[in-house]
Amino acid sequence: MNNSEHIPQLKDLRVLVVEDEALVALQLEDMLVEFGCAVIGPASRVAQALKLLHGEPVEAAVLDLNIAGELVYPVADELGIRGVPYIFVTAYGTPGLTEPYRSRPVLEKPFARRELLQAMLDTFQRAQ
């Protein structure tokens, strides 16, 4: 896929990326840009993610569960208050989440590009 093949449902979607592993964050960012999204971040700490949320318009988010030893739940809570959809990406899968977060979409690491795309379309697709 190249930049001329953006996914129409995701074009210009402002996606916050919260991921503390640099290589994974870069991979996520590359995939999101290929899909046509505008990436906010990536944030490698919970406090940094919250600061971005307060300074940038965000329409969706992809959140690693464990950020430098800190759970990302404060970011998820703020997104929930704002009605912003998000996906957890974690090696722990759904069992690694605590209630009430287990009902949220989870993409288990490692994941393929097509799995991320499908999760995003299922979760972030805007009403046409």
N, C-alpha and C. Protein backbone atom coordinates (compact mmCIF):
# COMPACT_ATOMS: atom_id res chain seq x y z
N MET A 1 0.85 -1.19 0.00
CA MET A 1 0.00 0.00 0.00
C MET A 1 0.88 1.23 0.00
N ASN A 2 0.53 2.21 -0.79
CA ASN A 2 1.25 3.47 -0.75
C ASN A 2 0.29 4.58 -0.39
N ASN A 3 0.82 5.80 -0.30
CA ASN A 3 -0.01 6.91 0.17
C ASN A 3 -1.20 7.21 -0.72
N SER A 4 -1.16 6.76 -1.99
CA SER A 4 -2.30 7.01 -2.87
C SER A 4 -3.42 6.00 -2.63
N GLU A 5 -3.20 5.05 -1.75
CA GLU A 5 -4.21 4.02 -1.49
C GLU A 5 -4.77 4.12 -0.07
N HIS A 6 -4.99 5.33 0.41
CA HIS A 6 -5.56 5.52 1.74
C HIS A 6 -6.91 4.83 1.86
N ILE A 7 -7.25 4.46 3.08
CA ILE A 7 -8.54 3.86 3.36
C ILE A 7 -9.54 5.01 3.57
N PRO A 8 -10.56 5.14 2.73
CA PRO A 8 -11.46 6.30 2.81
C PRO A 8 -12.07 6.51 4.20
N GLN A 9 -12.44 5.43 4.89
CA GLN A 9 -13.09 5.57 6.19
C GLN A 9 -12.13 6.10 7.26
N LEU A 10 -10.83 6.01 7.01
CA LEU A 10 -9.84 6.43 8.01
C LEU A 10 -9.09 7.69 7.59
N LYS A 11 -9.37 8.21 6.39
CA LYS A 11 -8.62 9.35 5.88
C LYS A 11 -8.72 10.54 6.82
N ASP A 12 -7.54 11.05 7.19
CA ASP A 12 -7.39 12.23 8.06
C ASP A 12 -7.90 12.01 9.49
N LEU A 13 -8.19 10.78 9.87
CA LEU A 13 -8.58 10.48 11.25
C LEU A 13 -7.40 10.78 12.16
N ARG A 14 -7.60 11.60 13.17
CA ARG A 14 -6.52 12.00 14.09
C ARG A 14 -6.41 10.96 15.21
N VAL A 15 -5.35 10.14 15.12
CA VAL A 15 -5.18 8.99 16.01
C VAL A 15 -4.01 9.22 16.97
N LEU A 16 -4.32 9.20 18.26
CA LEU A 16 -3.28 9.26 19.29
C LEU A 16 -2.66 7.88 19.43
N VAL A 17 -1.34 7.81 19.38
CA VAL A 17 -0.62 6.56 19.59
C VAL A 17 0.12 6.66 20.91
N VAL A 18 -0.13 5.68 21.79
CA VAL A 18 0.56 5.61 23.08
C VAL A 18 1.28 4.27 23.12
N GLU A 19 2.60 4.32 22.99
CA GLU A 19 3.44 3.13 22.91
C GLU A 19 4.84 3.49 23.38
N ASP A 20 5.38 2.72 24.33
CA ASP A 20 6.69 3.05 24.88
C ASP A 20 7.86 2.37 24.19
N GLU A 21 7.60 1.38 23.36
CA GLU A 21 8.69 0.73 22.62
C GLU A 21 8.85 1.44 21.28
N ALA A 22 10.00 2.07 21.08
CA ALA A 22 10.23 2.93 19.92
C ALA A 22 9.97 2.22 18.59
N LEU A 23 10.46 1.00 18.44
CA LEU A 23 10.27 0.31 17.16
C LEU A 23 8.81 0.00 16.89
N VAL A 24 8.09 -0.39 17.92
CA VAL A 24 6.65 -0.66 17.76
C VAL A 24 5.91 0.63 17.46
N ALA A 25 6.28 1.71 18.14
CA ALA A 25 5.65 3.01 17.89
C ALA A 25 5.87 3.46 16.46
N LEU A 26 7.09 3.29 15.95
CA LEU A 26 7.38 3.67 14.57
C LEU A 26 6.60 2.81 13.58
N GLN A 27 6.50 1.53 13.86
CA GLN A 27 5.75 0.63 12.99
C GLN A 27 4.27 1.02 12.98
N LEU A 28 3.72 1.28 14.15
CA LEU A 28 2.32 1.72 14.24
C LEU A 28 2.11 3.02 13.47
N GLU A 29 3.00 3.96 13.68
CA GLU A 29 2.89 5.25 13.00
C GLU A 29 2.93 5.07 11.48
N ASP A 30 3.86 4.26 10.99
CA ASP A 30 3.95 4.01 9.55
C ASP A 30 2.66 3.40 9.01
N MET A 31 2.12 2.42 9.71
CA MET A 31 0.88 1.78 9.26
C MET A 31 -0.27 2.78 9.23
N LEU A 32 -0.39 3.56 10.29
CA LEU A 32 -1.48 4.52 10.37
C LEU A 32 -1.39 5.57 9.25
N VAL A 33 -0.19 6.03 8.97
CA VAL A 33 -0.01 6.99 7.88
C VAL A 33 -0.37 6.34 6.55
N GLU A 34 0.01 5.08 6.36
CA GLU A 34 -0.37 4.36 5.13
C GLU A 34 -1.89 4.28 4.99
N PHE A 35 -2.58 4.13 6.11
CA PHE A 35 -4.05 4.05 6.08
C PHE A 35 -4.69 5.41 5.81
N GLY A 36 -3.90 6.49 5.90
CA GLY A 36 -4.42 7.83 5.67
C GLY A 36 -4.69 8.63 6.93
N CYS A 37 -4.32 8.07 8.07
CA CYS A 37 -4.56 8.74 9.35
C CYS A 37 -3.52 9.83 9.61
N ALA A 38 -3.87 10.76 10.48
CA ALA A 38 -2.94 11.76 11.00
C ALA A 38 -2.56 11.29 12.40
N VAL A 39 -1.29 11.04 12.63
CA VAL A 39 -0.83 10.49 13.90
C VAL A 39 -0.52 11.61 14.89
N ILE A 40 -1.06 11.46 16.09
CA ILE A 40 -0.76 12.35 17.21
C ILE A 40 0.18 11.57 18.12
N GLY A 41 1.35 12.11 18.39
CA GLY A 41 2.36 11.40 19.17
C GLY A 41 3.38 10.80 18.23
N PRO A 42 3.89 9.65 18.55
CA PRO A 42 3.48 8.78 19.65
C PRO A 42 3.97 9.28 21.01
N ALA A 43 3.19 8.95 22.02
CA ALA A 43 3.54 9.25 23.40
C ALA A 43 4.13 8.00 24.02
N SER A 44 5.24 8.18 24.73
CA SER A 44 5.91 7.04 25.35
C SER A 44 5.72 6.98 26.86
N ARG A 45 4.92 7.90 27.39
CA ARG A 45 4.59 7.92 28.81
C ARG A 45 3.13 8.34 28.97
N VAL A 46 2.51 7.90 30.04
CA VAL A 46 1.10 8.23 30.30
C VAL A 46 0.92 9.74 30.44
N ALA A 47 1.79 10.40 31.19
CA ALA A 47 1.67 11.85 31.38
C ALA A 47 1.80 12.59 30.05
N GLN A 48 2.69 12.13 29.19
CA GLN A 48 2.86 12.74 27.87
C GLN A 48 1.58 12.56 27.04
N ALA A 49 0.97 11.39 27.11
CA ALA A 49 -0.27 11.13 26.37
C ALA A 49 -1.39 12.05 26.86
N LEU A 50 -1.50 12.21 28.16
CA LEU A 50 -2.54 13.09 28.71
C LEU A 50 -2.31 14.53 28.28
N LYS A 51 -1.04 14.94 28.24
CA LYS A 51 -0.71 16.30 27.80
C LYS A 51 -1.12 16.49 26.34
N LEU A 52 -0.83 15.50 25.50
CA LEU A 52 -1.23 15.57 24.09
C LEU A 52 -2.75 15.65 23.96
N LEU A 53 -3.45 14.88 24.78
CA LEU A 53 -4.92 14.91 24.74
C LEU A 53 -5.48 16.29 25.04
N HIS A 54 -4.81 17.00 25.93
CA HIS A 54 -5.29 18.32 26.31
C HIS A 54 -4.86 19.40 25.32
N GLY A 55 -3.90 19.07 24.44
CA GLY A 55 -3.40 20.07 23.52
C GLY A 55 -3.73 19.84 22.06
N GLU A 56 -4.23 18.67 21.73
CA GLU A 56 -4.49 18.31 20.33
C GLU A 56 -5.89 17.73 20.19
N PRO A 57 -6.58 18.01 19.10
CA PRO A 57 -7.83 17.30 18.85
C PRO A 57 -7.52 15.85 18.49
N VAL A 58 -8.18 14.93 19.14
CA VAL A 58 -7.97 13.50 18.92
C VAL A 58 -9.32 12.86 18.63
N GLU A 59 -9.36 12.02 17.57
CA GLU A 59 -10.61 11.37 17.18
C GLU A 59 -10.62 9.88 17.46
N ALA A 60 -9.44 9.31 17.74
CA ALA A 60 -9.30 7.88 18.01
C ALA A 60 -7.94 7.66 18.66
N ALA A 61 -7.74 6.46 19.23
CA ALA A 61 -6.44 6.19 19.86
C ALA A 61 -6.11 4.71 19.80
N VAL A 62 -4.81 4.45 19.77
CA VAL A 62 -4.26 3.10 19.86
C VAL A 62 -3.35 3.13 21.08
N LEU A 63 -3.70 2.31 22.09
CA LEU A 63 -3.04 2.38 23.39
C LEU A 63 -2.36 1.06 23.76
N ASP A 64 -1.06 1.10 23.99
CA ASP A 64 -0.39 -0.04 24.61
C ASP A 64 -0.84 -0.06 26.07
N LEU A 65 -1.04 -1.23 26.62
CA LEU A 65 -1.55 -1.34 27.99
C LEU A 65 -0.51 -0.91 29.02
N ASN A 66 0.71 -1.39 28.88
CA ASN A 66 1.76 -1.12 29.85
C ASN A 66 2.75 -0.14 29.24
N ILE A 67 2.77 1.06 29.78
CA ILE A 67 3.64 2.12 29.28
C ILE A 67 4.71 2.41 30.31
N ALA A 68 5.91 1.89 30.05
CA ALA A 68 7.05 2.10 30.94
C ALA A 68 6.69 1.72 32.39
N GLY A 69 5.99 0.61 32.55
CA GLY A 69 5.63 0.12 33.87
C GLY A 69 4.37 0.73 34.46
N GLU A 70 3.73 1.61 33.73
CA GLU A 70 2.50 2.27 34.19
C GLU A 70 1.35 1.86 33.28
N LEU A 71 0.23 1.50 33.87
CA LEU A 71 -0.94 1.13 33.06
C LEU A 71 -1.54 2.38 32.41
N VAL A 72 -2.03 2.22 31.20
CA VAL A 72 -2.51 3.32 30.38
C VAL A 72 -3.96 3.72 30.72
N TYR A 73 -4.54 3.15 31.75
CA TYR A 73 -5.94 3.40 32.08
C TYR A 73 -6.31 4.87 32.27
N PRO A 74 -5.45 5.73 32.83
CA PRO A 74 -5.84 7.15 32.92
C PRO A 74 -6.11 7.77 31.55
N VAL A 75 -5.35 7.35 30.55
CA VAL A 75 -5.57 7.85 29.19
C VAL A 75 -6.89 7.28 28.66
N ALA A 76 -7.11 5.99 28.86
CA ALA A 76 -8.37 5.37 28.43
C ALA A 76 -9.56 6.05 29.09
N ASP A 77 -9.44 6.37 30.36
CA ASP A 77 -10.53 7.05 31.08
C ASP A 77 -10.84 8.41 30.47
N GLU A 78 -9.79 9.17 30.18
CA GLU A 78 -9.98 10.50 29.57
C GLU A 78 -10.62 10.38 28.18
N LEU A 79 -10.17 9.41 27.42
CA LEU A 79 -10.78 9.17 26.11
C LEU A 79 -12.25 8.80 26.25
N GLY A 80 -12.55 7.95 27.24
CA GLY A 80 -13.94 7.55 27.49
C GLY A 80 -14.83 8.72 27.85
N ILE A 81 -14.32 9.62 28.67
CA ILE A 81 -15.07 10.82 29.06
C ILE A 81 -15.39 11.65 27.83
N ARG A 82 -14.44 11.71 26.90
CA ARG A 82 -14.61 12.51 25.69
C ARG A 82 -15.37 11.78 24.58
N GLY A 83 -15.66 10.51 24.81
CA GLY A 83 -16.36 9.74 23.79
C GLY A 83 -15.49 9.38 22.60
N VAL A 84 -14.17 9.31 22.82
CA VAL A 84 -13.22 9.00 21.76
C VAL A 84 -12.96 7.49 21.76
N PRO A 85 -13.18 6.81 20.63
CA PRO A 85 -12.95 5.36 20.58
C PRO A 85 -11.46 5.04 20.61
N TYR A 86 -11.14 3.88 21.18
CA TYR A 86 -9.74 3.46 21.25
C TYR A 86 -9.63 1.95 21.21
N ILE A 87 -8.42 1.51 20.87
CA ILE A 87 -8.07 0.09 20.83
C ILE A 87 -6.87 -0.10 21.73
N PHE A 88 -6.92 -1.14 22.56
CA PHE A 88 -5.73 -1.54 23.30
C PHE A 88 -4.88 -2.45 22.42
N VAL A 89 -3.58 -2.25 22.41
CA VAL A 89 -2.65 -3.19 21.78
C VAL A 89 -1.74 -3.69 22.89
N THR A 90 -1.75 -5.01 23.10
CA THR A 90 -1.02 -5.57 24.22
C THR A 90 -0.68 -7.03 23.98
N ALA A 91 0.44 -7.44 24.50
CA ALA A 91 0.82 -8.86 24.44
C ALA A 91 0.01 -9.68 25.43
N TYR A 92 -0.65 -9.02 26.37
CA TYR A 92 -1.42 -9.71 27.41
C TYR A 92 -2.80 -10.15 26.94
N GLY A 93 -3.28 -9.60 25.83
CA GLY A 93 -4.62 -9.92 25.35
C GLY A 93 -5.70 -9.41 26.30
N THR A 94 -6.93 -9.76 26.01
CA THR A 94 -8.06 -9.32 26.85
C THR A 94 -7.91 -9.74 28.30
N PRO A 95 -7.40 -10.95 28.61
CA PRO A 95 -7.26 -11.33 30.02
C PRO A 95 -6.34 -10.40 30.82
N GLY A 96 -5.46 -9.67 30.14
CA GLY A 96 -4.57 -8.74 30.83
C GLY A 96 -5.23 -7.45 31.24
N LEU A 97 -6.44 -7.21 30.75
CA LEU A 97 -7.17 -5.99 31.10
C LEU A 97 -8.00 -6.20 32.35
N THR A 98 -8.19 -5.13 33.11
CA THR A 98 -9.08 -5.20 34.26
C THR A 98 -10.45 -4.68 33.84
N GLU A 99 -11.45 -5.00 34.66
CA GLU A 99 -12.78 -4.44 34.42
C GLU A 99 -12.71 -2.95 34.70
N PRO A 100 -13.38 -2.11 34.00
CA PRO A 100 -14.39 -2.31 32.97
C PRO A 100 -13.81 -2.31 31.54
N TYR A 101 -12.51 -2.43 31.41
CA TYR A 101 -11.85 -2.28 30.12
C TYR A 101 -11.92 -3.53 29.24
N ARG A 102 -12.32 -4.65 29.81
CA ARG A 102 -12.36 -5.90 29.04
C ARG A 102 -13.36 -5.88 27.89
N SER A 103 -14.28 -4.96 27.92
CA SER A 103 -15.25 -4.86 26.83
C SER A 103 -14.71 -4.04 25.65
N ARG A 104 -13.56 -3.44 25.83
CA ARG A 104 -12.96 -2.61 24.77
C ARG A 104 -12.22 -3.48 23.76
N PRO A 105 -12.09 -2.99 22.52
CA PRO A 105 -11.35 -3.75 21.50
C PRO A 105 -9.89 -3.93 21.90
N VAL A 106 -9.37 -5.13 21.64
CA VAL A 106 -7.98 -5.46 21.96
C VAL A 106 -7.34 -6.10 20.74
N LEU A 107 -6.16 -5.62 20.41
CA LEU A 107 -5.35 -6.21 19.36
C LEU A 107 -4.12 -6.79 20.05
N GLU A 108 -3.96 -8.11 19.91
CA GLU A 108 -2.87 -8.77 20.63
C GLU A 108 -1.57 -8.68 19.85
N LYS A 109 -0.52 -8.25 20.56
CA LYS A 109 0.83 -8.20 19.96
C LYS A 109 1.41 -9.60 19.91
N PRO A 110 2.19 -9.93 18.91
CA PRO A 110 2.41 -9.15 17.71
C PRO A 110 1.20 -9.26 16.78
N PHE A 111 0.99 -8.24 15.97
CA PHE A 111 -0.15 -8.23 15.07
C PHE A 111 0.32 -7.87 13.66
N ALA A 112 -0.45 -8.30 12.69
CA ALA A 112 -0.16 -7.99 11.30
C ALA A 112 -0.87 -6.69 10.91
N ARG A 113 -0.39 -6.09 9.87
CA ARG A 113 -0.95 -4.85 9.36
C ARG A 113 -2.45 -5.00 9.06
N ARG A 114 -2.84 -6.11 8.44
CA ARG A 114 -4.25 -6.32 8.11
C ARG A 114 -5.10 -6.44 9.36
N GLU A 115 -4.54 -6.99 10.46
CA GLU A 115 -5.28 -7.09 11.73
C GLU A 115 -5.51 -5.71 12.32
N LEU A 116 -4.50 -4.85 12.25
CA LEU A 116 -4.66 -3.48 12.73
C LEU A 116 -5.72 -2.77 11.90
N LEU A 117 -5.64 -2.91 10.59
CA LEU A 117 -6.61 -2.26 9.72
C LEU A 117 -8.02 -2.72 10.04
N GLN A 118 -8.23 -4.02 10.19
CA GLN A 118 -9.57 -4.52 10.48
C GLN A 118 -10.07 -4.01 11.83
N ALA A 119 -9.21 -4.03 12.84
CA ALA A 119 -9.60 -3.52 14.17
C ALA A 119 -9.98 -2.05 14.09
N MET A 120 -9.22 -1.29 13.31
CA MET A 120 -9.52 0.13 13.16
C MET A 120 -10.84 0.35 12.43
N LEU A 121 -11.05 -0.39 11.35
CA LEU A 121 -12.31 -0.23 10.62
C LEU A 121 -13.50 -0.61 11.50
N ASP A 122 -13.34 -1.65 12.30
CA ASP A 122 -14.42 -2.08 13.19
C ASP A 122 -14.69 -1.05 14.28
N THR A 123 -13.65 -0.38 14.75
CA THR A 123 -13.77 0.49 15.92
C THR A 123 -13.92 1.96 15.57
N PHE A 124 -13.18 2.42 14.56
CA PHE A 124 -13.08 3.86 14.30
C PHE A 124 -13.87 4.35 13.10
N GLN A 125 -14.52 3.45 12.39
CA GLN A 125 -15.20 3.86 11.16
C GLN A 125 -16.21 4.95 11.44
N ARG A 126 -16.04 6.05 10.75
CA ARG A 126 -16.94 7.19 10.93
C ARG A 126 -18.22 6.98 10.13
N ALA A 127 -19.28 7.53 10.64
CA ALA A 127 -20.57 7.45 9.92
C ALA A 127 -20.43 8.20 8.61
N GLN A 128 -20.86 7.58 7.56
CA GLN A 128 -20.76 8.19 6.22
C GLN A 128 -22.02 8.96 5.90
